[in-house]
Each structure stands twice: as C-alpha cells, then as structure tokens.
Amino acid sequence: VLSSMTVAEAISYMEEGHFAPGSMLPKV
C-alpha cells in the first residue's frame, strides 16, 4: 500500500505494469 508517490516513482511503477488499464492506470 502506498501513502505517497512522487511523479518519478509513479512513472516507474506504471512502466513496471502495476496499474491495470481501464482501472487504476488512468487515475495514476
């Protein structure tokens, strides 16, 4: 569980495939 993310961290997590398209990905 994440309480905070910097933009750089969020991009890194996104590129690692942590966020589902049509679900959490567009929110991030």
mmCIF file of all heavy atoms, coordinates in Angstrom:
data_MODEL
# 
_entry.id   MODEL 
# 
loop_
_atom_site.group_PDB 
_atom_site.id 
_atom_site.type_symbol 
_atom_site.label_atom_id 
_atom_site.label_alt_id 
_atom_site.label_comp_id 
_atom_site.label_asym_id 
_atom_site.label_entity_id 
_atom_site.label_seq_id 
_atom_site.pdbx_PDB_ins_code 
_atom_site.Cartn_x 
_atom_site.Cartn_y 
_atom_site.Cartn_z 
_atom_site.occupancy 
_atom_site.B_iso_or_equiv 
_atom_site.pdbx_formal_charge 
_atom_site.auth_seq_id 
_atom_site.auth_comp_id 
_atom_site.auth_asym_id 
_atom_site.auth_atom_id 
_atom_site.pdbx_PDB_model_num 
ATOM 1   N N   . VAL A 1 1  ? 0.850   -1.195 0.000   1.00 0.00 ? 1  VAL A N   1 
ATOM 2   C CA  . VAL A 1 1  ? 0.000   0.000  0.000   1.00 0.00 ? 1  VAL A CA  1 
ATOM 3   C C   . VAL A 1 1  ? 0.885   1.244  0.000   1.00 0.00 ? 1  VAL A C   1 
ATOM 4   O O   . VAL A 1 1  ? 1.875   1.315  0.738   1.00 0.00 ? 1  VAL A O   1 
ATOM 5   C CB  . VAL A 1 1  ? -0.930  -0.001 1.229   1.00 0.00 ? 1  VAL A CB  1 
ATOM 6   C CG1 . VAL A 1 1  ? -1.778  1.261  1.267   1.00 0.00 ? 1  VAL A CG1 1 
ATOM 7   C CG2 . VAL A 1 1  ? -1.830  -1.228 1.206   1.00 0.00 ? 1  VAL A CG2 1 
ATOM 8   N N   . LEU A 1 2  ? 0.518   2.224  -0.832  1.00 0.00 ? 2  LEU A N   1 
ATOM 9   C CA  . LEU A 1 2  ? 1.310   3.450  -0.944  1.00 0.00 ? 2  LEU A CA  1 
ATOM 10  C C   . LEU A 1 2  ? 0.558   4.642  -0.357  1.00 0.00 ? 2  LEU A C   1 
ATOM 11  O O   . LEU A 1 2  ? -0.591  4.898  -0.723  1.00 0.00 ? 2  LEU A O   1 
ATOM 12  C CB  . LEU A 1 2  ? 1.625   3.738  -2.415  1.00 0.00 ? 2  LEU A CB  1 
ATOM 13  C CG  . LEU A 1 2  ? 2.398   2.664  -3.189  1.00 0.00 ? 2  LEU A CG  1 
ATOM 14  C CD1 . LEU A 1 2  ? 2.491   3.055  -4.664  1.00 0.00 ? 2  LEU A CD1 1 
ATOM 15  C CD2 . LEU A 1 2  ? 3.787   2.477  -2.604  1.00 0.00 ? 2  LEU A CD2 1 
ATOM 16  N N   . SER A 1 3  ? 1.213   5.371  0.533   1.00 0.00 ? 3  SER A N   1 
ATOM 17  C CA  . SER A 1 3  ? 0.617   6.602  1.068   1.00 0.00 ? 3  SER A CA  1 
ATOM 18  C C   . SER A 1 3  ? 0.999   7.819  0.226   1.00 0.00 ? 3  SER A C   1 
ATOM 19  O O   . SER A 1 3  ? 0.314   8.842  0.266   1.00 0.00 ? 3  SER A O   1 
ATOM 20  C CB  . SER A 1 3  ? 1.073   6.829  2.510   1.00 0.00 ? 3  SER A CB  1 
ATOM 21  O OG  . SER A 1 3  ? 0.548   5.818  3.339   1.00 0.00 ? 3  SER A OG  1 
ATOM 22  N N   . SER A 1 4  ? 2.104   7.696  -0.513  1.00 0.00 ? 4  SER A N   1 
ATOM 23  C CA  . SER A 1 4  ? 2.524   8.810  -1.367  1.00 0.00 ? 4  SER A CA  1 
ATOM 24  C C   . SER A 1 4  ? 3.367   8.280  -2.514  1.00 0.00 ? 4  SER A C   1 
ATOM 25  O O   . SER A 1 4  ? 3.943   7.193  -2.434  1.00 0.00 ? 4  SER A O   1 
ATOM 26  C CB  . SER A 1 4  ? 3.330   9.833  -0.558  1.00 0.00 ? 4  SER A CB  1 
ATOM 27  O OG  . SER A 1 4  ? 4.532   9.238  -0.091  1.00 0.00 ? 4  SER A OG  1 
ATOM 28  N N   . MET A 1 5  ? 3.418   9.062  -3.588  1.00 0.00 ? 5  MET A N   1 
ATOM 29  C CA  . MET A 1 5  ? 4.285   8.779  -4.728  1.00 0.00 ? 5  MET A CA  1 
ATOM 30  C C   . MET A 1 5  ? 4.765   10.102 -5.307  1.00 0.00 ? 5  MET A C   1 
ATOM 31  O O   . MET A 1 5  ? 3.968   11.046 -5.423  1.00 0.00 ? 5  MET A O   1 
ATOM 32  C CB  . MET A 1 5  ? 3.532   8.045  -5.860  1.00 0.00 ? 5  MET A CB  1 
ATOM 33  C CG  . MET A 1 5  ? 3.075   6.652  -5.596  1.00 0.00 ? 5  MET A CG  1 
ATOM 34  S SD  . MET A 1 5  ? 2.388   5.874  -7.115  1.00 0.00 ? 5  MET A SD  1 
ATOM 35  C CE  . MET A 1 5  ? 0.783   6.697  -7.245  1.00 0.00 ? 5  MET A CE  1 
ATOM 36  N N   . THR A 1 6  ? 6.029   10.176 -5.653  1.00 0.00 ? 6  THR A N   1 
ATOM 37  C CA  . THR A 1 6  ? 6.463   11.293 -6.489  1.00 0.00 ? 6  THR A CA  1 
ATOM 38  C C   . THR A 1 6  ? 6.100   10.944 -7.926  1.00 0.00 ? 6  THR A C   1 
ATOM 39  O O   . THR A 1 6  ? 5.814   9.780  -8.245  1.00 0.00 ? 6  THR A O   1 
ATOM 40  C CB  . THR A 1 6  ? 7.983   11.502 -6.394  1.00 0.00 ? 6  THR A CB  1 
ATOM 41  O OG1 . THR A 1 6  ? 8.631   10.337 -6.928  1.00 0.00 ? 6  THR A OG1 1 
ATOM 42  C CG2 . THR A 1 6  ? 8.425   11.741 -4.966  1.00 0.00 ? 6  THR A CG2 1 
ATOM 43  N N   . VAL A 1 7  ? 6.127   11.936 -8.797  1.00 0.00 ? 7  VAL A N   1 
ATOM 44  C CA  . VAL A 1 7  ? 5.848   11.699 -10.210 1.00 0.00 ? 7  VAL A CA  1 
ATOM 45  C C   . VAL A 1 7  ? 6.815   10.654 -10.772 1.00 0.00 ? 7  VAL A C   1 
ATOM 46  O O   . VAL A 1 7  ? 6.406   9.724  -11.486 1.00 0.00 ? 7  VAL A O   1 
ATOM 47  C CB  . VAL A 1 7  ? 5.930   13.024 -11.006 1.00 0.00 ? 7  VAL A CB  1 
ATOM 48  C CG1 . VAL A 1 7  ? 6.031   12.767 -12.502 1.00 0.00 ? 7  VAL A CG1 1 
ATOM 49  C CG2 . VAL A 1 7  ? 4.709   13.897 -10.693 1.00 0.00 ? 7  VAL A CG2 1 
ATOM 50  N N   . ALA A 1 8  ? 8.086   10.768 -10.432 1.00 0.00 ? 8  ALA A N   1 
ATOM 51  C CA  . ALA A 1 8  ? 9.091   9.817  -10.933 1.00 0.00 ? 8  ALA A CA  1 
ATOM 52  C C   . ALA A 1 8  ? 8.787   8.397  -10.462 1.00 0.00 ? 8  ALA A C   1 
ATOM 53  O O   . ALA A 1 8  ? 8.888   7.431  -11.246 1.00 0.00 ? 8  ALA A O   1 
ATOM 54  C CB  . ALA A 1 8  ? 10.490  10.235 -10.475 1.00 0.00 ? 8  ALA A CB  1 
ATOM 55  N N   . GLU A 1 9  ? 8.394   8.256  -9.195  1.00 0.00 ? 9  GLU A N   1 
ATOM 56  C CA  . GLU A 1 9  ? 8.047   6.927  -8.675  1.00 0.00 ? 9  GLU A CA  1 
ATOM 57  C C   . GLU A 1 9  ? 6.810   6.371  -9.370  1.00 0.00 ? 9  GLU A C   1 
ATOM 58  O O   . GLU A 1 9  ? 6.769   5.187  -9.740  1.00 0.00 ? 9  GLU A O   1 
ATOM 59  C CB  . GLU A 1 9  ? 7.802   7.008  -7.162  1.00 0.00 ? 9  GLU A CB  1 
ATOM 60  C CG  . GLU A 1 9  ? 9.068   7.202  -6.336  1.00 0.00 ? 9  GLU A CG  1 
ATOM 61  C CD  . GLU A 1 9  ? 8.782   7.548  -4.887  1.00 0.00 ? 9  GLU A CD  1 
ATOM 62  O OE1 . GLU A 1 9  ? 7.656   8.001  -4.569  1.00 0.00 ? 9  GLU A OE1 1 
ATOM 63  O OE2 . GLU A 1 9  ? 9.696   7.367  -4.066  1.00 0.00 ? 9  GLU A OE2 1 
ATOM 64  N N   . ALA A 1 10 ? 5.812   7.222  -9.557  1.00 0.00 ? 10 ALA A N   1 
ATOM 65  C CA  . ALA A 1 10 ? 4.573   6.781  -10.199 1.00 0.00 ? 10 ALA A CA  1 
ATOM 66  C C   . ALA A 1 10 ? 4.838   6.308  -11.627 1.00 0.00 ? 10 ALA A C   1 
ATOM 67  O O   . ALA A 1 10 ? 4.286   5.279  -12.065 1.00 0.00 ? 10 ALA A O   1 
ATOM 68  C CB  . ALA A 1 10 ? 3.549   7.917  -10.194 1.00 0.00 ? 10 ALA A CB  1 
ATOM 69  N N   . ILE A 1 11 ? 5.691   7.040  -12.354 1.00 0.00 ? 11 ILE A N   1 
ATOM 70  C CA  . ILE A 1 11 ? 6.026   6.645  -13.729 1.00 0.00 ? 11 ILE A CA  1 
ATOM 71  C C   . ILE A 1 11 ? 6.747   5.296  -13.722 1.00 0.00 ? 11 ILE A C   1 
ATOM 72  O O   . ILE A 1 11 ? 6.466   4.413  -14.545 1.00 0.00 ? 11 ILE A O   1 
ATOM 73  C CB  . ILE A 1 11 ? 6.886   7.729  -14.410 1.00 0.00 ? 11 ILE A CB  1 
ATOM 74  C CG1 . ILE A 1 11 ? 6.032   8.984  -14.663 1.00 0.00 ? 11 ILE A CG1 1 
ATOM 75  C CG2 . ILE A 1 11 ? 7.486   7.223  -15.725 1.00 0.00 ? 11 ILE A CG2 1 
ATOM 76  C CD1 . ILE A 1 11 ? 6.821   10.207 -15.107 1.00 0.00 ? 11 ILE A CD1 1 
ATOM 77  N N   . SER A 1 12 ? 7.650   5.116  -12.778 1.00 0.00 ? 12 SER A N   1 
ATOM 78  C CA  . SER A 1 12 ? 8.392   3.857  -12.666 1.00 0.00 ? 12 SER A CA  1 
ATOM 79  C C   . SER A 1 12 ? 7.442   2.690  -12.392 1.00 0.00 ? 12 SER A C   1 
ATOM 80  O O   . SER A 1 12 ? 7.527   1.645  -13.039 1.00 0.00 ? 12 SER A O   1 
ATOM 81  C CB  . SER A 1 12 ? 9.436   3.984  -11.560 1.00 0.00 ? 12 SER A CB  1 
ATOM 82  O OG  . SER A 1 12 ? 10.116  2.769  -11.382 1.00 0.00 ? 12 SER A OG  1 
ATOM 83  N N   . TYR A 1 13 ? 6.523   2.865  -11.448 1.00 0.00 ? 13 TYR A N   1 
ATOM 84  C CA  . TYR A 1 13 ? 5.555   1.810  -11.129 1.00 0.00 ? 13 TYR A CA  1 
ATOM 85  C C   . TYR A 1 13 ? 4.658   1.519  -12.337 1.00 0.00 ? 13 TYR A C   1 
ATOM 86  O O   . TYR A 1 13 ? 4.314   0.370  -12.603 1.00 0.00 ? 13 TYR A O   1 
ATOM 87  C CB  . TYR A 1 13 ? 4.670   2.220  -9.941  1.00 0.00 ? 13 TYR A CB  1 
ATOM 88  C CG  . TYR A 1 13 ? 5.402   2.428  -8.641  1.00 0.00 ? 13 TYR A CG  1 
ATOM 89  C CD1 . TYR A 1 13 ? 5.010   3.450  -7.761  1.00 0.00 ? 13 TYR A CD1 1 
ATOM 90  C CD2 . TYR A 1 13 ? 6.470   1.613  -8.252  1.00 0.00 ? 13 TYR A CD2 1 
ATOM 91  C CE1 . TYR A 1 13 ? 5.658   3.649  -6.546  1.00 0.00 ? 13 TYR A CE1 1 
ATOM 92  C CE2 . TYR A 1 13 ? 7.131   1.816  -7.044  1.00 0.00 ? 13 TYR A CE2 1 
ATOM 93  C CZ  . TYR A 1 13 ? 6.727   2.839  -6.200  1.00 0.00 ? 13 TYR A CZ  1 
ATOM 94  O OH  . TYR A 1 13 ? 7.374   3.042  -5.005  1.00 0.00 ? 13 TYR A OH  1 
ATOM 95  N N   . MET A 1 14 ? 4.280   2.578  -13.043 1.00 0.00 ? 14 MET A N   1 
ATOM 96  C CA  . MET A 1 14 ? 3.433   2.438  -14.223 1.00 0.00 ? 14 MET A CA  1 
ATOM 97  C C   . MET A 1 14 ? 4.146   1.599  -15.286 1.00 0.00 ? 14 MET A C   1 
ATOM 98  O O   . MET A 1 14 ? 3.557   0.686  -15.874 1.00 0.00 ? 14 MET A O   1 
ATOM 99  C CB  . MET A 1 14 ? 3.104   3.841  -14.757 1.00 0.00 ? 14 MET A CB  1 
ATOM 100 C CG  . MET A 1 14 ? 1.916   3.916  -15.658 1.00 0.00 ? 14 MET A CG  1 
ATOM 101 S SD  . MET A 1 14 ? 1.405   5.646  -15.892 1.00 0.00 ? 14 MET A SD  1 
ATOM 102 C CE  . MET A 1 14 ? 2.812   6.357  -16.726 1.00 0.00 ? 14 MET A CE  1 
ATOM 103 N N   . GLU A 1 15 ? 5.428   1.911  -15.508 1.00 0.00 ? 15 GLU A N   1 
ATOM 104 C CA  . GLU A 1 15 ? 6.213   1.188  -16.516 1.00 0.00 ? 15 GLU A CA  1 
ATOM 105 C C   . GLU A 1 15 ? 6.443   -0.267 -16.120 1.00 0.00 ? 15 GLU A C   1 
ATOM 106 O O   . GLU A 1 15 ? 6.607   -1.131 -16.980 1.00 0.00 ? 15 GLU A O   1 
ATOM 107 C CB  . GLU A 1 15 ? 7.554   1.897  -16.740 1.00 0.00 ? 15 GLU A CB  1 
ATOM 108 C CG  . GLU A 1 15 ? 7.404   3.223  -17.481 1.00 0.00 ? 15 GLU A CG  1 
ATOM 109 C CD  . GLU A 1 15 ? 8.683   4.042  -17.533 1.00 0.00 ? 15 GLU A CD  1 
ATOM 110 O OE1 . GLU A 1 15 ? 9.652   3.708  -16.802 1.00 0.00 ? 15 GLU A OE1 1 
ATOM 111 O OE2 . GLU A 1 15 ? 8.712   5.028  -18.307 1.00 0.00 ? 15 GLU A OE2 1 
ATOM 112 N N   . GLU A 1 16 ? 6.414   -0.537 -14.815 1.00 0.00 ? 16 GLU A N   1 
ATOM 113 C CA  . GLU A 1 16 ? 6.556   -1.922 -14.345 1.00 0.00 ? 16 GLU A CA  1 
ATOM 114 C C   . GLU A 1 16 ? 5.252   -2.712 -14.469 1.00 0.00 ? 16 GLU A C   1 
ATOM 115 O O   . GLU A 1 16 ? 5.221   -3.917 -14.190 1.00 0.00 ? 16 GLU A O   1 
ATOM 116 C CB  . GLU A 1 16 ? 7.025   -1.929 -12.879 1.00 0.00 ? 16 GLU A CB  1 
ATOM 117 C CG  . GLU A 1 16 ? 8.471   -1.460 -12.689 1.00 0.00 ? 16 GLU A CG  1 
ATOM 118 C CD  . GLU A 1 16 ? 8.813   -1.195 -11.228 1.00 0.00 ? 16 GLU A CD  1 
ATOM 119 O OE1 . GLU A 1 16 ? 8.026   -1.599 -10.340 1.00 0.00 ? 16 GLU A OE1 1 
ATOM 120 O OE2 . GLU A 1 16 ? 9.870   -0.576 -10.972 1.00 0.00 ? 16 GLU A OE2 1 
ATOM 121 N N   . GLY A 1 17 ? 4.172   -2.036 -14.878 1.00 0.00 ? 17 GLY A N   1 
ATOM 122 C CA  . GLY A 1 17 ? 2.904   -2.721 -15.120 1.00 0.00 ? 17 GLY A CA  1 
ATOM 123 C C   . GLY A 1 17 ? 2.038   -2.954 -13.904 1.00 0.00 ? 17 GLY A C   1 
ATOM 124 O O   . GLY A 1 17 ? 1.212   -3.863 -13.875 1.00 0.00 ? 17 GLY A O   1 
ATOM 125 N N   . HIS A 1 18 ? 2.196   -2.106 -12.866 1.00 0.00 ? 18 HIS A N   1 
ATOM 126 C CA  . HIS A 1 18 ? 1.441   -2.307 -11.633 1.00 0.00 ? 18 HIS A CA  1 
ATOM 127 C C   . HIS A 1 18 ? -0.034  -1.890 -11.745 1.00 0.00 ? 18 HIS A C   1 
ATOM 128 O O   . HIS A 1 18 ? -0.840  -2.321 -10.922 1.00 0.00 ? 18 HIS A O   1 
ATOM 129 C CB  . HIS A 1 18 ? 2.097   -1.530 -10.486 1.00 0.00 ? 18 HIS A CB  1 
ATOM 130 C CG  . HIS A 1 18 ? 3.323   -2.181 -9.949  1.00 0.00 ? 18 HIS A CG  1 
ATOM 131 N ND1 . HIS A 1 18 ? 3.291   -3.301 -9.152  1.00 0.00 ? 18 HIS A ND1 1 
ATOM 132 C CD2 . HIS A 1 18 ? 4.643   -1.872 -10.100 1.00 0.00 ? 18 HIS A CD2 1 
ATOM 133 C CE1 . HIS A 1 18 ? 4.515   -3.655 -8.826  1.00 0.00 ? 18 HIS A CE1 1 
ATOM 134 N NE2 . HIS A 1 18 ? 5.361   -2.800 -9.377  1.00 0.00 ? 18 HIS A NE2 1 
ATOM 135 N N   . PHE A 1 19 ? -0.376  -1.038 -12.708 1.00 0.00 ? 19 PHE A N   1 
ATOM 136 C CA  . PHE A 1 19 ? -1.714  -0.451 -12.736 1.00 0.00 ? 19 PHE A CA  1 
ATOM 137 C C   . PHE A 1 19 ? -2.484  -0.924 -13.964 1.00 0.00 ? 19 PHE A C   1 
ATOM 138 O O   . PHE A 1 19 ? -2.027  -0.787 -15.092 1.00 0.00 ? 19 PHE A O   1 
ATOM 139 C CB  . PHE A 1 19 ? -1.613  1.078  -12.710 1.00 0.00 ? 19 PHE A CB  1 
ATOM 140 C CG  . PHE A 1 19 ? -0.717  1.590  -11.615 1.00 0.00 ? 19 PHE A CG  1 
ATOM 141 C CD1 . PHE A 1 19 ? 0.326   2.467  -11.893 1.00 0.00 ? 19 PHE A CD1 1 
ATOM 142 C CD2 . PHE A 1 19 ? -0.905  1.191  -10.297 1.00 0.00 ? 19 PHE A CD2 1 
ATOM 143 C CE1 . PHE A 1 19 ? 1.167   2.941  -10.894 1.00 0.00 ? 19 PHE A CE1 1 
ATOM 144 C CE2 . PHE A 1 19 ? -0.074  1.658  -9.281  1.00 0.00 ? 19 PHE A CE2 1 
ATOM 145 C CZ  . PHE A 1 19 ? 0.968   2.530  -9.580  1.00 0.00 ? 19 PHE A CZ  1 
ATOM 146 N N   . ALA A 1 20 ? -3.690  -1.430 -13.728 1.00 0.00 ? 20 ALA A N   1 
ATOM 147 C CA  . ALA A 1 20 ? -4.479  -2.028 -14.815 1.00 0.00 ? 20 ALA A CA  1 
ATOM 148 C C   . ALA A 1 20 ? -5.094  -0.964 -15.713 1.00 0.00 ? 20 ALA A C   1 
ATOM 149 O O   . ALA A 1 20 ? -5.679  0.006  -15.222 1.00 0.00 ? 20 ALA A O   1 
ATOM 150 C CB  . ALA A 1 20 ? -5.583  -2.899 -14.226 1.00 0.00 ? 20 ALA A CB  1 
ATOM 151 N N   . PRO A 1 21 ? -4.985  -1.133 -17.039 1.00 0.00 ? 21 PRO A N   1 
ATOM 152 C CA  . PRO A 1 21 ? -5.665  -0.219 -17.975 1.00 0.00 ? 21 PRO A CA  1 
ATOM 153 C C   . PRO A 1 21 ? -7.174  -0.260 -17.727 1.00 0.00 ? 21 PRO A C   1 
ATOM 154 O O   . PRO A 1 21 ? -7.732  -1.308 -17.411 1.00 0.00 ? 21 PRO A O   1 
ATOM 155 C CB  . PRO A 1 21 ? -5.326  -0.800 -19.352 1.00 0.00 ? 21 PRO A CB  1 
ATOM 156 C CG  . PRO A 1 21 ? -4.118  -1.652 -19.142 1.00 0.00 ? 21 PRO A CG  1 
ATOM 157 C CD  . PRO A 1 21 ? -4.233  -2.179 -17.740 1.00 0.00 ? 21 PRO A CD  1 
ATOM 158 N N   . GLY A 1 22 ? -7.828  0.890  -17.847 1.00 0.00 ? 22 GLY A N   1 
ATOM 159 C CA  . GLY A 1 22 ? -9.275  0.948  -17.631 1.00 0.00 ? 22 GLY A CA  1 
ATOM 160 C C   . GLY A 1 22 ? -9.659  0.897  -16.167 1.00 0.00 ? 22 GLY A C   1 
ATOM 161 O O   . GLY A 1 22 ? -10.824 0.943  -15.816 1.00 0.00 ? 22 GLY A O   1 
ATOM 162 N N   . SER A 1 23 ? -8.647  0.808  -15.282 1.00 0.00 ? 23 SER A N   1 
ATOM 163 C CA  . SER A 1 23 ? -8.921  0.751  -13.846 1.00 0.00 ? 23 SER A CA  1 
ATOM 164 C C   . SER A 1 23 ? -8.053  1.794  -13.130 1.00 0.00 ? 23 SER A C   1 
ATOM 165 O O   . SER A 1 23 ? -8.363  2.974  -13.134 1.00 0.00 ? 23 SER A O   1 
ATOM 166 C CB  . SER A 1 23 ? -8.655  -0.672 -13.341 1.00 0.00 ? 23 SER A CB  1 
ATOM 167 O OG  . SER A 1 23 ? -8.930  -0.773 -11.969 1.00 0.00 ? 23 SER A OG  1 
ATOM 168 N N   . MET A 1 24 ? -6.921  1.388  -12.546 1.00 0.00 ? 24 MET A N   1 
ATOM 169 C CA  . MET A 1 24 ? -6.076  2.334  -11.812 1.00 0.00 ? 24 MET A CA  1 
ATOM 170 C C   . MET A 1 24 ? -5.162  3.149  -12.726 1.00 0.00 ? 24 MET A C   1 
ATOM 171 O O   . MET A 1 24 ? -4.790  4.287  -12.386 1.00 0.00 ? 24 MET A O   1 
ATOM 172 C CB  . MET A 1 24 ? -5.240  1.587  -10.764 1.00 0.00 ? 24 MET A CB  1 
ATOM 173 C CG  . MET A 1 24 ? -4.449  2.483  -9.830  1.00 0.00 ? 24 MET A CG  1 
ATOM 174 S SD  . MET A 1 24 ? -5.442  3.743  -8.954  1.00 0.00 ? 24 MET A SD  1 
ATOM 175 C CE  . MET A 1 24 ? -6.290  2.716  -7.737  1.00 0.00 ? 24 MET A CE  1 
ATOM 176 N N   . LEU A 1 25 ? -4.793  2.605  -13.891 1.00 0.00 ? 25 LEU A N   1 
ATOM 177 C CA  . LEU A 1 25 ? -3.833  3.289  -14.761 1.00 0.00 ? 25 LEU A CA  1 
ATOM 178 C C   . LEU A 1 25 ? -4.242  4.719  -15.119 1.00 0.00 ? 25 LEU A C   1 
ATOM 179 O O   . LEU A 1 25 ? -3.442  5.646  -14.944 1.00 0.00 ? 25 LEU A O   1 
ATOM 180 C CB  . LEU A 1 25 ? -3.567  2.465  -16.026 1.00 0.00 ? 25 LEU A CB  1 
ATOM 181 C CG  . LEU A 1 25 ? -2.550  3.059  -17.002 1.00 0.00 ? 25 LEU A CG  1 
ATOM 182 C CD1 . LEU A 1 25 ? -1.179  3.223  -16.366 1.00 0.00 ? 25 LEU A CD1 1 
ATOM 183 C CD2 . LEU A 1 25 ? -2.441  2.198  -18.263 1.00 0.00 ? 25 LEU A CD2 1 
ATOM 184 N N   . PRO A 1 26 ? -5.466  4.972  -15.618 1.00 0.00 ? 26 PRO A N   1 
ATOM 185 C CA  . PRO A 1 26 ? -5.812  6.360  -15.964 1.00 0.00 ? 26 PRO A CA  1 
ATOM 186 C C   . PRO A 1 26 ? -5.829  7.294  -14.757 1.00 0.00 ? 26 PRO A C   1 
ATOM 187 O O   . PRO A 1 26 ? -5.561  8.489  -14.898 1.00 0.00 ? 26 PRO A O   1 
ATOM 188 C CB  . PRO A 1 26 ? -7.197  6.247  -16.607 1.00 0.00 ? 26 PRO A CB  1 
ATOM 189 C CG  . PRO A 1 26 ? -7.724  4.917  -16.203 1.00 0.00 ? 26 PRO A CG  1 
ATOM 190 C CD  . PRO A 1 26 ? -6.540  4.033  -16.001 1.00 0.00 ? 26 PRO A CD  1 
ATOM 191 N N   . LYS A 1 27 ? -6.115  6.761  -13.576 1.00 0.00 ? 27 LYS A N   1 
ATOM 192 C CA  . LYS A 1 27 ? -6.105  7.589  -12.361 1.00 0.00 ? 27 LYS A CA  1 
ATOM 193 C C   . LYS A 1 27 ? -4.680  8.048  -12.043 1.00 0.00 ? 27 LYS A C   1 
ATOM 194 O O   . LYS A 1 27 ? -4.440  9.218  -11.731 1.00 0.00 ? 27 LYS A O   1 
ATOM 195 C CB  . LYS A 1 27 ? -6.707  6.806  -11.196 1.00 0.00 ? 27 LYS A CB  1 
ATOM 196 C CG  . LYS A 1 27 ? -8.187  6.504  -11.372 1.00 0.00 ? 27 LYS A CG  1 
ATOM 197 C CD  . LYS A 1 27 ? -8.693  5.484  -10.391 1.00 0.00 ? 27 LYS A CD  1 
ATOM 198 C CE  . LYS A 1 27 ? -10.182 5.249  -10.560 1.00 0.00 ? 27 LYS A CE  1 
ATOM 199 N NZ  . LYS A 1 27 ? -10.610 4.931  -11.939 1.00 0.00 ? 27 LYS A NZ  1 
ATOM 200 N N   . VAL A 1 28 ? -3.744  7.105  -12.128 1.00 0.00 ? 28 VAL A N   1 
ATOM 201 C CA  . VAL A 1 28 ? -2.343  7.453  -11.875 1.00 0.00 ? 28 VAL A CA  1 
ATOM 202 C C   . VAL A 1 28 ? -1.831  8.407  -12.952 1.00 0.00 ? 28 VAL A C   1 
ATOM 203 O O   . VAL A 1 28 ? -1.119  9.373  -12.658 1.00 0.00 ? 28 VAL A O   1 
ATOM 204 C CB  . VAL A 1 28 ? -1.475  6.173  -11.787 1.00 0.00 ? 28 VAL A CB  1 
ATOM 205 C CG1 . VAL A 1 28 ? 0.010   6.516  -11.690 1.00 0.00 ? 28 VAL A CG1 1 
ATOM 206 C CG2 . VAL A 1 28 ? -1.899  5.329  -10.578 1.00 0.00 ? 28 VAL A CG2 1 
# 
